Protein backbone atom coordinates (compact mmCIF):
# COMPACT_ATOMS: atom_id res chain seq x y z
CA MET A 1 93.95 98.23 76.17
CA GLU A 2 97.57 97.18 76.25
CA LYS A 3 99.74 98.58 79.01
CA PRO A 4 102.77 100.56 77.76
CA ALA A 5 106.20 99.15 78.49
CA SER A 6 108.08 100.67 81.41
CA VAL A 7 110.97 102.94 80.50
CA SER A 8 112.71 102.73 83.85
CA HIS A 9 114.35 100.18 86.10
CA VAL A 10 111.70 101.15 88.65
CA GLY A 11 109.01 99.59 86.48
CA ASP A 12 105.48 99.57 87.83
CA ASP A 13 106.41 99.87 91.53
CA LEU A 14 104.48 103.04 92.41
CA ALA A 15 105.70 103.02 96.01
CA LEU A 16 109.30 103.03 94.79
CA TRP A 17 108.55 105.80 92.28
CA LEU A 18 107.06 107.89 95.10
CA GLU A 19 109.92 107.13 97.47
CA ILE A 20 112.49 108.21 94.88
CA GLY A 21 110.46 111.33 94.05
CA GLN A 22 110.05 112.31 97.69
CA GLN A 23 113.71 111.71 98.57
CA SER A 24 114.76 113.71 95.49
CA GLY A 25 112.42 116.60 96.29
CA TRP A 26 110.36 116.07 93.13
CA CYS A 27 107.05 115.41 94.91
CA GLY A 28 105.41 115.66 98.27
CA LYS A 29 103.88 112.95 100.36
CA VAL A 30 100.63 111.35 99.29
CA THR A 31 97.81 113.09 101.11
CA CYS A 32 94.04 113.03 101.15
CA GLY A 33 92.87 115.82 98.87
CA THR A 34 89.57 116.10 100.71
CA HIS A 35 90.95 116.34 104.23
CA ASP A 36 94.29 118.05 103.63
CA GLY A 37 93.17 120.96 101.50
CA PRO A 38 94.13 121.03 97.80
CA GLU A 39 91.74 122.18 95.12
CA ILE A 40 88.54 120.24 94.61
CA THR A 41 86.02 120.24 91.79
CA GLU A 42 82.61 121.84 92.08
CA SER A 43 80.92 118.43 92.09
CA GLU A 44 83.22 117.26 94.89
CA TYR A 45 82.40 120.41 96.83
CA ASP A 46 78.68 119.77 96.28
CA SER A 47 79.08 116.19 97.50
CA MET A 48 80.76 117.40 100.67
CA ALA A 49 78.03 120.00 101.16
CA ASP A 50 75.60 117.05 101.10
CA TYR A 51 77.67 115.43 103.90
CA ASP A 52 79.32 112.94 101.56
CA ASP A 53 82.99 112.49 102.37
CA PRO A 54 84.88 111.47 99.23
CA CYS A 55 88.55 110.69 99.83
CA ILE A 56 90.65 111.98 96.93
CA PRO A 57 94.26 110.71 97.13
CA ILE A 58 96.77 113.10 95.57
CA VAL A 59 100.48 113.63 95.17
CA ARG A 60 102.05 116.98 94.40
CA ILE A 61 104.72 117.05 91.71
CA PHE A 62 107.35 119.74 92.27
CA VAL A 63 108.83 121.49 89.24
CA PRO A 64 112.48 122.56 89.61
CA GLU A 65 112.91 126.34 89.60
CA ASP A 66 114.96 126.26 86.40
CA MET A 67 112.12 124.47 84.57
CA LYS A 68 109.33 126.90 85.49
């Protein structure tokens, strides 16, 4: 599968994308979804109930009030 062309000067630099987003208030810090509390799927819950400890990296995207 061919990778789509970047539409920004930031390109494929995810760390830079995140830094810009965080500094602009568009997203939160990257956290562990398992250990820091966001929603998890039923199968992930079941895995944790079986003492498995899946780490689920996440980033929250903030929507400006005028776009809600």
